[in-house]
Every structure is written in C-alpha cells, then in structure tokens.
C-alpha atoms as a PDB file:
ATOM      1  CA  MET A   1      -7.098  13.125  -3.325  1.00  0.00           C
ATOM      2  CA  TRP A   2      -4.297  12.238  -0.448  1.00  0.00           C
ATOM      3  CA  GLY A   3      -7.238  13.061   1.946  1.00  0.00           C
ATOM      4  CA  ILE A   4      -9.519  10.681   0.359  1.00  0.00           C
ATOM      5  CA  ILE A   5      -7.075   7.981   0.206  1.00  0.00           C
ATOM      6  CA  PHE A   6      -5.934   8.754   3.890  1.00  0.00           C
ATOM      7  CA  ILE A   7      -9.683   8.212   4.944  1.00  0.00           C
ATOM      8  CA  LEU A   8     -10.212   5.392   2.972  1.00  0.00           C
ATOM      9  CA  SER A   9      -7.411   3.377   4.500  1.00  0.00           C
ATOM     10  CA  THR A  10      -8.567   4.935   8.192  1.00  0.00           C
ATOM     11  CA  PHE A  11     -12.097   3.369   7.267  1.00  0.00           C
ATOM     12  CA  LEU A  12     -10.827   0.444   6.186  1.00  0.00           C
ATOM     13  CA  GLY A  13      -8.629   0.052   8.997  1.00  0.00           C
ATOM     14  CA  LEU A  14     -11.420   0.569  11.599  1.00  0.00           C
ATOM     15  CA  VAL A  15     -13.437  -1.913   9.463  1.00  0.00           C
ATOM     16  CA  PHE A  16     -10.983  -4.938   8.657  1.00  0.00           C
ATOM     17  CA  SER A  17      -7.962  -4.605  11.708  1.00  0.00           C
ATOM     18  CA  THR A  18      -7.819  -7.506  13.805  1.00  0.00           C
ATOM     19  CA  GLY A  19      -4.496  -6.185  15.803  1.00  0.00           C
ATOM     20  CA  PHE A  20      -2.418  -8.312  14.343  1.00  0.00           C
ATOM     21  CA  PHE A  21      -0.854  -9.609  10.921  1.00  0.00           C
ATOM     22  CA  VAL A  22      -2.578 -12.626   9.724  1.00  0.00           C
ATOM     23  CA  PRO A  23      -0.521 -14.313   6.805  1.00  0.00           C
ATOM     24  CA  ILE A  24      -2.260 -14.017   3.198  1.00  0.00           C
ATOM     25  CA  GLU A  25      -3.049 -17.657   2.248  1.00  0.00           C
ATOM     26  CA  ASN A  26      -4.475 -17.797  -1.314  1.00  0.00           C
ATOM     27  CA  ARG A  27      -2.464 -14.975  -3.209  1.00  0.00           C
ATOM     28  CA  THR A  28       0.492 -13.956  -5.306  1.00  0.00           C
ATOM     29  CA  VAL A  29       2.914 -11.258  -4.418  1.00  0.00           C
ATOM     30  CA  GLU A  30       5.152  -9.561  -6.789  1.00  0.00           C
ATOM     31  CA  LYS A  31       7.711  -7.440  -4.469  1.00  0.00           C
ATOM     32  CA  ASP A  32       9.472  -4.380  -5.046  1.00  0.00           C
ATOM     33  CA  VAL A  33       7.777  -3.556  -8.468  1.00  0.00           C
ATOM     34  CA  VAL A  34       9.151  -0.206  -9.746  1.00  0.00           C
ATOM     35  CA  TYR A  35       6.583   1.854 -10.770  1.00  0.00           C
ATOM     36  CA  ARG A  36       8.311   5.235 -10.861  1.00  0.00           C
ATOM     37  CA  VAL A  37      11.959   6.782 -11.191  1.00  0.00           C
ATOM     38  CA  PHE A  38      12.622   9.965  -9.892  1.00  0.00           C
ATOM     39  CA  GLN A  39      15.847  11.503  -9.581  1.00  0.00           C
ATOM     40  CA  ASP A  40      17.637   8.362  -9.909  1.00  0.00           C
ATOM     41  CA  THR A  41      15.376   6.987  -7.153  1.00  0.00           C
ATOM     42  CA  SER A  42      13.217   3.809  -7.538  1.00  0.00           C
ATOM     43  CA  LEU A  43       9.962   3.946  -6.172  1.00  0.00           C
ATOM     44  CA  THR A  44       8.588   0.490  -5.448  1.00  0.00           C
ATOM     45  CA  THR A  45       5.409  -1.416  -4.633  1.00  0.00           C
ATOM     46  CA  ASP A  46       4.188  -4.491  -3.547  1.00  0.00           C
ATOM     47  CA  LEU A  47       1.651  -5.957  -5.273  1.00  0.00           C
ATOM     48  CA  TYR A  48      -0.984  -8.716  -3.736  1.00  0.00           C
ATOM     49  CA  PHE A  49      -3.184 -10.618  -6.031  1.00  0.00           C
ATOM     50  CA  PRO A  50      -6.127 -13.110  -5.215  1.00  0.00           C
ATOM     51  CA  GLN A  51      -5.749 -16.282  -6.325  1.00  0.00           C
ATOM     52  CA  GLN A  52      -8.911 -16.016  -8.626  1.00  0.00           C
ATOM     53  CA  ARG A  53      -9.254 -12.625 -10.114  1.00  0.00           C
ATOM     54  CA  GLY A  54     -10.703 -11.585 -13.158  1.00  0.00           C
ATOM     55  CA  THR A  55      -9.255  -9.328 -15.538  1.00  0.00           C
ATOM     56  CA  GLN A  56     -10.598  -6.464 -14.046  1.00  0.00           C
ATOM     57  CA  SER A  57     -10.030  -6.953 -10.636  1.00  0.00           C
ATOM     58  CA  PRO A  58     -10.403  -3.931  -8.387  1.00  0.00           C
ATOM     59  CA  LEU A  59      -7.603  -2.186  -6.908  1.00  0.00           C
ATOM     60  CA  ILE A  60      -6.745  -0.511  -3.455  1.00  0.00           C
ATOM     61  CA  ILE A  61      -3.586   1.390  -3.093  1.00  0.00           C
ATOM     62  CA  TYR A  62      -1.994   1.194   0.536  1.00  0.00           C
ATOM     63  CA  ILE A  63      -0.161   4.188   1.968  1.00  0.00           C
ATOM     64  CA  HIS A  64       1.898   3.266   4.940  1.00  0.00           C
ATOM     65  CA  GLY A  65       1.761   5.821   7.644  1.00  0.00           C
ATOM     66  CA  GLY A  66       4.870   7.766   9.137  1.00  0.00           C
ATOM     67  CA  GLY A  67       4.268  11.198   8.355  1.00  0.00           C
ATOM     68  CA  TRP A  68       6.256  11.361   5.417  1.00  0.00           C
ATOM     69  CA  TYR A  69       9.364  10.799   7.642  1.00  0.00           C
ATOM     70  CA  SER A  70       9.291   6.888   8.197  1.00  0.00           C
ATOM     71  CA  GLY A  71       7.711   3.724   7.480  1.00  0.00           C
ATOM     72  CA  ASP A  72       8.181   1.269   4.548  1.00  0.00           C
ATOM     73  CA  LYS A  73       5.526  -0.164   2.419  1.00  0.00           C
ATOM     74  CA  ALA A  74       5.908  -3.924   4.190  1.00  0.00           C
ATOM     75  CA  THR A  75       4.787  -2.102   7.820  1.00  0.00           C
ATOM     76  CA  GLY A  76       2.429  -0.646   9.062  1.00  0.00           C
ATOM     77  CA  ILE A  77      -1.251  -1.622  10.637  1.00  0.00           C
ATOM     78  CA  GLY A  78      -3.234  -1.211   7.353  1.00  0.00           C
ATOM     79  CA  LEU A  79      -1.139  -4.308   6.245  1.00  0.00           C
ATOM     80  CA  ASN A  80      -3.658  -5.784   9.233  1.00  0.00           C
ATOM     81  CA  ASN A  81      -6.063  -5.273   6.428  1.00  0.00           C
ATOM     82  CA  MET A  82      -4.516  -7.053   3.353  1.00  0.00           C
ATOM     83  CA  PRO A  83      -5.498 -10.444   4.073  1.00  0.00           C
ATOM     84  CA  GLU A  84      -9.578  -9.867   4.102  1.00  0.00           C
ATOM     85  CA  LEU A  85      -9.089  -7.583   1.229  1.00  0.00           C
ATOM     86  CA  VAL A  86      -7.345 -10.083  -0.937  1.00  0.00           C
ATOM     87  CA  ARG A  87      -9.667 -12.883   0.074  1.00  0.00           C
ATOM     88  CA  ARG A  88     -12.585 -10.520  -1.156  1.00  0.00           C
ATOM     89  CA  GLY A  89     -11.027 -10.667  -4.501  1.00  0.00           C
ATOM     90  CA  TYR A  90      -8.953  -7.146  -4.256  1.00  0.00           C
ATOM     91  CA  VAL A  91      -5.692  -6.539  -5.899  1.00  0.00           C
ATOM     92  CA  VAL A  92      -3.440  -4.287  -3.036  1.00  0.00           C
ATOM     93  CA  ALA A  93      -0.490  -2.475  -4.047  1.00  0.00           C
ATOM     94  CA  SER A  94       1.396  -1.248  -1.034  1.00  0.00           C
ATOM     95  CA  ILE A  95       3.500   1.431  -2.195  1.00  0.00           C
ATOM     96  CA  ASN A  96       6.813   3.378  -1.029  1.00  0.00           C
ATOM     97  CA  TYR A  97       7.377   7.061  -1.380  1.00  0.00           C
ATOM     98  CA  ARG A  98       9.630   9.552  -0.809  1.00  0.00           C
ATOM     99  CA  LEU A  99      10.820  10.497   2.677  1.00  0.00           C
ATOM    100  CA  ALA A 100      11.894  13.397   4.669  1.00  0.00           C
ATOM    101  CA  PRO A 101      14.545  14.706   4.981  1.00  0.00           C
ATOM    102  CA  ASP A 102      15.641  13.834   1.685  1.00  0.00           C
ATOM    103  CA  THR A 103      12.523  15.450   0.433  1.00  0.00           C
ATOM    104  CA  PHE A 104      10.277  17.986   1.980  1.00  0.00           C
ATOM    105  CA  PHE A 105       6.585  19.596   0.578  1.00  0.00           C
ATOM    106  CA  PRO A 106       5.618  20.064  -2.091  1.00  0.00           C
ATOM    107  CA  PRO A 107       8.052  17.866  -3.973  1.00  0.00           C
ATOM    108  CA  ARG A 108       6.494  14.605  -2.370  1.00  0.00           C
ATOM    109  CA  LEU A 109       3.110  15.279  -3.836  1.00  0.00           C
ATOM    110  CA  LYS A 110       5.201  14.796  -7.495  1.00  0.00           C
ATOM    111  CA  THR A 111       6.090  11.341  -7.001  1.00  0.00           C
END
C-alpha cells in the first residue's frame, strides 16, 4: 500500500509541480487534527478543503518525504500540488507520522 501512495505522490508531483509554493485560495484549512494517538504520541494531519465541496469529496493523502527520519506535514515539495488539487475539488490530508530514531521498522507501519 505504501508503494502505491508513494507512486501516486510522485506522479502528482510530476504533473502539478510548479517549483514553488503557491498560496491556496478558496479553501478551508483545519490544522493539527489528531487522527491517532499511539503510545502517548498524537499523530496529526492538516486537512485542506475546497471552498465548494460535496458531501463525498475525493480525498488525497499527502505523505511528506524525509526517509522516515525527518520532515513535517507542513513541508515538502508535494505541497506545491495542493493549490491545484484543492482547486479541482479534492480534500487533501497532509499527515505527520512517527520518525526515527524514536521508532524503527516495522513499528512505523503500525501508525
């Protein structure tokens, strides 16, 4: 599953990347929404909603890069894609996950 998400993220990066971050207009953002608590660590997501959305808007999950050692949901080249995705009516969830050295394979996969 992670391979599919990585390929999707890479594909979207190639299709929509502008090389710089463009502010997202006509959207609503909910920051630091807790999606899981694991061993006293809250895992959070930022949710980006298009201004006009249906009751069943499609969702794209953005997983930042960093090789499981660094990074944050608010950083990364994939954020360049967000304005276009939101403009097209997608809800985007930019997630944080547990990083090394605090956790190592395979426990990260249990988040």
